[in-house]
Every structure is written in structure tokens, then in C-alpha cells.
N, C-alpha and C. Protein backbone atom coordinates (compact mmCIF):
# COMPACT_ATOMS: atom_id res chain seq x y z
N MET A 1 124.67 58.61 8.21
CA MET A 1 124.09 59.92 8.30
C MET A 1 122.60 59.87 8.64
N ASN A 2 121.99 58.78 8.48
CA ASN A 2 120.56 58.66 8.75
C ASN A 2 120.31 58.19 10.18
N SER A 3 121.31 58.24 11.04
CA SER A 3 121.13 57.74 12.40
C SER A 3 120.20 58.61 13.23
N LEU A 4 119.98 59.84 12.83
CA LEU A 4 119.10 60.73 13.58
C LEU A 4 117.67 60.70 13.09
N ASP A 5 117.38 59.90 12.13
CA ASP A 5 116.00 59.79 11.63
C ASP A 5 115.14 59.09 12.67
N GLY A 6 113.99 59.61 12.90
CA GLY A 6 113.02 58.99 13.79
C GLY A 6 113.20 59.32 15.27
N ILE A 7 114.11 60.18 15.63
CA ILE A 7 114.27 60.51 17.05
C ILE A 7 113.27 61.59 17.43
N GLU A 8 112.88 61.57 18.67
CA GLU A 8 111.91 62.55 19.17
C GLU A 8 112.63 63.60 20.01
N GLU A 9 112.03 64.75 20.10
CA GLU A 9 112.58 65.84 20.91
C GLU A 9 112.43 65.49 22.39
N ALA A 10 113.48 65.73 23.15
CA ALA A 10 113.44 65.44 24.59
C ALA A 10 112.62 66.50 25.30
N ARG A 11 111.74 66.03 26.16
CA ARG A 11 110.89 66.93 26.94
C ARG A 11 110.94 66.51 28.41
N PRO A 12 111.01 67.49 29.29
CA PRO A 12 111.05 67.14 30.72
C PRO A 12 109.70 66.62 31.18
N PRO A 13 109.70 65.83 32.24
CA PRO A 13 108.42 65.36 32.77
C PRO A 13 107.60 66.55 33.30
N LYS A 14 106.29 66.39 33.28
CA LYS A 14 105.41 67.49 33.68
C LYS A 14 105.58 67.86 35.15
N ASP A 15 105.83 66.91 36.01
CA ASP A 15 105.96 67.19 37.44
C ASP A 15 107.43 67.20 37.88
N GLY A 16 108.36 67.38 36.97
CA GLY A 16 109.78 67.37 37.29
C GLY A 16 110.18 68.50 38.23
N LEU A 17 109.71 69.70 38.00
CA LEU A 17 110.03 70.84 38.85
C LEU A 17 109.47 70.64 40.26
N LEU A 18 108.28 70.07 40.35
CA LEU A 18 107.69 69.80 41.66
C LEU A 18 108.53 68.79 42.45
N LYS A 19 109.03 67.76 41.78
CA LYS A 19 109.88 66.77 42.46
C LYS A 19 111.18 67.40 42.95
N VAL A 20 111.76 68.28 42.15
CA VAL A 20 113.00 68.95 42.55
C VAL A 20 112.75 69.82 43.77
N LYS A 21 111.65 70.57 43.78
CA LYS A 21 111.32 71.42 44.93
C LYS A 21 111.07 70.59 46.18
N GLU A 22 110.41 69.44 46.03
CA GLU A 22 110.18 68.57 47.18
C GLU A 22 111.49 68.05 47.76
N LYS A 23 112.43 67.65 46.90
CA LYS A 23 113.73 67.18 47.39
C LYS A 23 114.49 68.28 48.10
N ILE A 24 114.41 69.51 47.59
CA ILE A 24 115.07 70.64 48.24
C ILE A 24 114.47 70.87 49.62
N ASP A 25 113.14 70.82 49.72
CA ASP A 25 112.47 71.01 51.01
C ASP A 25 112.85 69.89 52.00
N GLN A 26 112.97 68.66 51.50
CA GLN A 26 113.37 67.56 52.37
C GLN A 26 114.78 67.76 52.90
N GLN A 27 115.70 68.23 52.04
CA GLN A 27 117.07 68.47 52.48
C GLN A 27 117.13 69.61 53.48
N LYS A 28 116.32 70.64 53.28
CA LYS A 28 116.29 71.75 54.24
C LYS A 28 115.80 71.26 55.60
N SER A 29 114.77 70.42 55.60
CA SER A 29 114.26 69.93 56.88
C SER A 29 115.27 69.04 57.56
N LYS A 30 116.05 68.27 56.80
CA LYS A 30 117.10 67.45 57.41
C LYS A 30 118.19 68.33 58.00
N ASN A 31 118.54 69.40 57.32
CA ASN A 31 119.56 70.31 57.82
C ASN A 31 119.11 71.01 59.09
N LEU A 32 117.82 71.33 59.18
CA LEU A 32 117.32 71.99 60.38
C LEU A 32 117.38 71.06 61.59
N THR A 33 117.18 69.77 61.37
CA THR A 33 117.23 68.84 62.50
C THR A 33 118.67 68.59 62.95
N LYS A 34 119.65 68.82 62.09
CA LYS A 34 121.04 68.62 62.47
C LYS A 34 121.62 69.79 63.23
N GLN A 35 121.00 70.92 63.16
CA GLN A 35 121.57 72.12 63.77
C GLN A 35 121.76 72.02 65.28
N PRO A 36 120.85 71.46 66.06
CA PRO A 36 121.11 71.40 67.51
C PRO A 36 122.39 70.64 67.86
N SER A 37 122.68 69.58 67.14
CA SER A 37 123.91 68.85 67.44
C SER A 37 125.13 69.69 67.09
N GLN A 38 125.04 70.49 66.05
CA GLN A 38 126.14 71.37 65.69
C GLN A 38 126.33 72.43 66.77
N TRP A 39 125.25 72.96 67.29
CA TRP A 39 125.35 73.96 68.35
C TRP A 39 125.93 73.34 69.61
N MET A 40 125.61 72.09 69.87
CA MET A 40 126.17 71.43 71.04
C MET A 40 127.68 71.28 70.91
N ALA A 41 128.14 70.98 69.71
CA ALA A 41 129.59 70.86 69.48
C ALA A 41 130.28 72.21 69.67
N VAL A 42 129.67 73.26 69.17
CA VAL A 42 130.24 74.60 69.33
C VAL A 42 130.27 74.98 70.81
N ALA A 43 129.20 74.69 71.52
CA ALA A 43 129.15 75.01 72.94
C ALA A 43 130.20 74.22 73.72
N ALA A 44 130.42 72.97 73.34
CA ALA A 44 131.43 72.15 74.02
C ALA A 44 132.83 72.71 73.80
N VAL A 45 133.12 73.15 72.60
CA VAL A 45 134.43 73.72 72.32
C VAL A 45 134.64 75.01 73.10
N ILE A 46 133.61 75.85 73.13
CA ILE A 46 133.71 77.11 73.89
C ILE A 46 133.92 76.82 75.37
N LEU A 47 133.21 75.84 75.89
CA LEU A 47 133.36 75.47 77.30
C LEU A 47 134.77 74.95 77.59
N LEU A 48 135.30 74.14 76.70
CA LEU A 48 136.67 73.65 76.89
C LEU A 48 137.68 74.79 76.87
N LEU A 49 137.53 75.71 75.96
CA LEU A 49 138.44 76.85 75.91
C LEU A 49 138.34 77.70 77.17
N PHE A 50 137.13 77.90 77.65
CA PHE A 50 136.91 78.68 78.86
C PHE A 50 137.58 78.01 80.06
N CYS A 51 137.40 76.70 80.20
CA CYS A 51 138.00 75.97 81.32
C CYS A 51 139.53 75.98 81.22
N ALA A 52 140.04 75.84 79.99
CA ALA A 52 141.50 75.88 79.82
C ALA A 52 142.05 77.25 80.21
N ASN A 53 141.35 78.31 79.86
CA ASN A 53 141.80 79.66 80.23
C ASN A 53 141.78 79.85 81.74
N ILE A 54 140.75 79.36 82.39
CA ILE A 54 140.67 79.47 83.85
C ILE A 54 141.84 78.73 84.49
N PHE A 55 142.14 77.54 83.99
CA PHE A 55 143.25 76.76 84.52
C PHE A 55 144.58 77.50 84.34
N VAL A 56 144.80 78.05 83.17
CA VAL A 56 146.06 78.75 82.89
C VAL A 56 146.19 79.98 83.78
N VAL A 57 145.12 80.74 83.92
CA VAL A 57 145.18 81.96 84.74
C VAL A 57 145.41 81.62 86.20
N SER A 58 144.72 80.61 86.71
CA SER A 58 144.92 80.25 88.12
C SER A 58 146.34 79.71 88.35
N ASP A 59 146.85 78.96 87.41
CA ASP A 59 148.22 78.46 87.52
C ASP A 59 149.21 79.62 87.46
N TYR A 60 148.94 80.62 86.65
CA TYR A 60 149.81 81.79 86.55
C TYR A 60 149.87 82.53 87.89
N PHE A 61 148.72 82.72 88.53
CA PHE A 61 148.70 83.42 89.81
C PHE A 61 149.41 82.61 90.90
N LYS A 62 149.30 81.29 90.86
CA LYS A 62 150.04 80.47 91.82
C LYS A 62 151.54 80.64 91.60
N TYR A 63 151.95 80.69 90.35
CA TYR A 63 153.36 80.89 90.04
C TYR A 63 153.84 82.24 90.54
N GLN A 64 153.02 83.29 90.37
CA GLN A 64 153.40 84.62 90.83
C GLN A 64 153.56 84.65 92.35
N GLU A 65 152.66 83.98 93.07
CA GLU A 65 152.75 83.93 94.53
C GLU A 65 154.03 83.20 94.95
N ASN A 66 154.35 82.11 94.29
CA ASN A 66 155.57 81.37 94.62
C ASN A 66 156.80 82.19 94.30
N ALA A 67 156.79 82.92 93.22
CA ALA A 67 157.94 83.74 92.84
C ALA A 67 158.15 84.86 93.86
N GLU A 68 157.06 85.44 94.36
CA GLU A 68 157.18 86.50 95.38
C GLU A 68 157.74 85.94 96.68
N GLN A 69 157.31 84.73 97.06
CA GLN A 69 157.81 84.12 98.28
C GLN A 69 159.31 83.81 98.16
N VAL A 70 159.72 83.36 97.00
CA VAL A 70 161.13 83.05 96.80
C VAL A 70 161.95 84.31 96.84
N SER A 71 161.47 85.38 96.20
CA SER A 71 162.26 86.62 96.18
C SER A 71 162.36 87.24 97.56
N THR A 72 161.35 87.13 98.40
CA THR A 72 161.43 87.69 99.75
C THR A 72 162.30 86.84 100.66
N SER A 73 162.34 85.54 100.44
CA SER A 73 163.16 84.70 101.29
C SER A 73 164.65 84.85 100.99
N TYR A 74 165.02 85.25 99.80
CA TYR A 74 166.41 85.44 99.43
C TYR A 74 166.84 86.91 99.44
N SER A 75 166.00 87.78 99.94
CA SER A 75 166.34 89.20 99.88
C SER A 75 167.58 89.53 100.72
N GLY A 76 167.82 88.80 101.79
CA GLY A 76 169.01 89.05 102.60
C GLY A 76 170.29 88.61 101.92
N MET A 77 170.19 87.69 101.01
CA MET A 77 171.37 87.18 100.32
C MET A 77 171.73 88.01 99.09
N ILE A 78 170.77 88.75 98.60
CA ILE A 78 171.00 89.53 97.38
C ILE A 78 171.58 90.87 97.77
N SER A 79 172.65 91.23 97.11
CA SER A 79 173.24 92.53 97.35
C SER A 79 173.10 93.36 96.08
N ASN A 80 173.75 94.51 96.07
CA ASN A 80 173.67 95.35 94.88
C ASN A 80 174.74 94.97 93.87
N PHE A 81 175.50 93.96 94.14
CA PHE A 81 176.55 93.43 93.26
C PHE A 81 177.64 94.44 92.93
N ASN A 82 177.82 95.40 93.78
CA ASN A 82 178.89 96.36 93.61
C ASN A 82 180.10 95.85 94.38
N ILE A 83 181.06 95.29 93.71
CA ILE A 83 182.20 94.66 94.39
C ILE A 83 183.30 95.65 94.72
N TYR A 84 183.21 96.89 94.29
CA TYR A 84 184.27 97.88 94.52
C TYR A 84 183.93 98.87 95.61
N GLU A 85 183.07 98.56 96.51
CA GLU A 85 182.74 99.50 97.59
C GLU A 85 183.70 99.37 98.73
């Protein structure tokens, strides 16, 4: 029971708050320097999506042109499918 005899009250260091604020400021400055690389990654993803959309749309229009050519070339073979006339 006497194990607590002679202990002193814990007190924070006098400049402890200043050290914490300095570390926070250092982390903020590190985060600010990382932001351009993050923006570059976002820009690269947007560019890839944009290029993929252009490719898909151009391929779609090529398909539509081919489908129209096929339908016009077979128009003489297509009838109204009325077999009882």
C-alpha cells in the first residue's frame, strides 16, 4: 500500500504545446508539396476517360455507317415477308 509514497505529480514540459504546433505545421507543409502530384494523377485519369470516350464514340459512328451500307446493299433482297399475296 505504500507504493505510491514519494511519487511526484506529472507535469507537461513547458514547450510541449509549441513542439506539437511545429509538428502540425511541418505535416501541413509536406501535404502541400504532395498536392501537385495528386492533381497530376487526377488529370491523367480524366484524360484517359476522355480519350476512351472519343474512341468509343468514333467506333460507334463507324459501326453505324457500316450498318447503313449493309442495309442498303440488301434492300433488293428484303421483302415484306407476306407469303400469302
